[in-house]
Amino acid sequence: MNKGTKRFEFKMVAPQAETVYLCGSFNNWSQNADPMQKHGDGTWKKTKMLSEGIYEYKFLVDGEWILHPEAHDTTPNEWGTENNVLRL
């Protein structure tokens, strides 16, 4: 692991969801690069190795953009909504 690189686990509870993707500035907002894994309790998880920095992200849940409900740091985006902010 490189100095300044950290393992970060993204989690979202969405027991009814069929697909959840992690999208953000770290993957060029790809809508399919980072599928999340569903666990038995309805929690979706994805671990990423990220360099220190500031990232914006959102979840794509069954085709709908969703803010991380447990993260409260957000910033406006160009679409008139908000993105979550992760500071490492």
Protein backbone atom coordinates (compact mmCIF):
# COMPACT_ATOMS: atom_id res chain seq x y z
CA MET A 1 0.00 0.00 0.00
CA ASN A 2 1.42 3.37 -1.01
CA LYS A 3 2.00 6.04 1.59
CA GLY A 4 -1.04 8.30 1.58
CA THR A 5 -3.33 5.56 0.23
CA LYS A 6 -6.15 4.44 2.49
CA ARG A 7 -8.69 1.65 2.41
CA PHE A 8 -12.19 3.07 2.74
CA GLU A 9 -15.38 1.06 2.95
CA PHE A 10 -18.53 2.65 1.54
CA LYS A 11 -21.76 1.28 3.03
CA MET A 12 -25.41 1.88 2.32
CA VAL A 13 -28.52 0.20 3.69
CA ALA A 14 -30.95 -0.53 0.84
CA PRO A 15 -32.55 -3.94 1.46
CA GLN A 16 -35.08 -3.59 -1.38
CA ALA A 17 -32.52 -2.52 -4.01
CA GLU A 18 -31.57 -4.81 -6.86
CA THR A 19 -28.43 -2.94 -7.91
CA VAL A 20 -26.25 -0.34 -6.20
CA TYR A 21 -23.22 1.30 -7.81
CA LEU A 22 -20.68 3.60 -6.19
CA CYS A 23 -20.05 6.61 -8.44
CA GLY A 24 -17.74 9.51 -7.81
CA SER A 25 -14.82 11.68 -8.71
CA PHE A 26 -12.48 8.73 -7.93
CA ASN A 27 -13.90 6.69 -10.86
CA ASN A 28 -14.83 9.51 -13.24
CA TRP A 29 -18.49 9.15 -12.24
CA SER A 30 -18.70 5.78 -13.98
CA GLN A 31 -22.15 4.26 -13.58
CA ASN A 32 -20.86 0.68 -13.75
CA ALA A 33 -17.19 0.61 -12.66
CA ASP A 34 -17.88 -0.01 -8.95
CA PRO A 35 -20.81 -2.33 -8.29
CA MET A 36 -21.48 -2.74 -4.59
CA GLN A 37 -21.94 -6.13 -2.92
CA LYS A 38 -25.21 -6.88 -1.12
CA HIS A 39 -24.98 -8.57 2.28
CA GLY A 40 -27.66 -10.56 4.09
CA ASP A 41 -28.71 -7.66 6.31
CA GLY A 42 -29.58 -5.47 3.29
CA THR A 43 -26.35 -3.47 3.53
CA TRP A 44 -24.41 -2.83 0.33
CA LYS A 45 -20.62 -2.44 0.61
CA LYS A 46 -17.68 -1.51 -1.58
CA THR A 47 -14.08 -1.08 -0.43
CA LYS A 48 -11.84 1.31 -2.38
CA MET A 49 -8.17 2.16 -2.06
CA LEU A 50 -8.00 5.96 -2.25
CA SER A 51 -5.18 8.46 -2.03
CA GLU A 52 -5.46 11.23 0.53
CA GLY A 53 -7.66 13.98 -0.81
CA ILE A 54 -11.21 15.21 -1.21
CA TYR A 55 -13.71 13.22 -3.27
CA GLU A 56 -17.32 13.69 -4.29
CA TYR A 57 -19.60 10.67 -4.61
CA LYS A 58 -23.15 9.36 -4.80
CA PHE A 59 -24.85 5.98 -5.01
CA LEU A 60 -26.77 4.84 -8.07
CA VAL A 61 -29.58 2.69 -6.62
CA ASP A 62 -31.71 0.91 -9.21
CA GLY A 63 -30.94 3.74 -11.65
CA GLU A 64 -31.69 6.57 -9.20
CA TRP A 65 -29.00 8.91 -7.80
CA ILE A 66 -29.04 8.78 -3.98
CA LEU A 67 -27.03 10.69 -1.40
CA HIS A 68 -25.40 8.65 1.34
CA PRO A 69 -27.99 9.02 4.13
CA GLU A 70 -25.41 8.64 6.92
CA ALA A 71 -22.92 11.18 5.50
CA HIS A 72 -23.70 14.82 6.13
CA ASP A 73 -20.90 16.58 4.24
CA THR A 74 -22.31 17.63 0.84
CA THR A 75 -21.59 20.13 -1.90
CA PRO A 76 -23.77 21.45 -4.74
CA ASN A 77 -23.23 19.88 -8.17
CA GLU A 78 -23.78 21.11 -11.73
CA TRP A 79 -27.17 19.34 -11.93
CA GLY A 80 -28.79 21.44 -9.22
CA THR A 81 -28.60 18.69 -6.60
CA GLU A 82 -25.84 17.72 -4.17
CA ASN A 83 -23.00 15.22 -3.94
CA ASN A 84 -21.53 13.70 -0.80
CA VAL A 85 -18.01 14.78 0.11
CA LEU A 86 -15.35 12.41 1.47
CA ARG A 87 -12.19 13.87 3.00
CA LEU A 88 -9.28 11.49 3.52
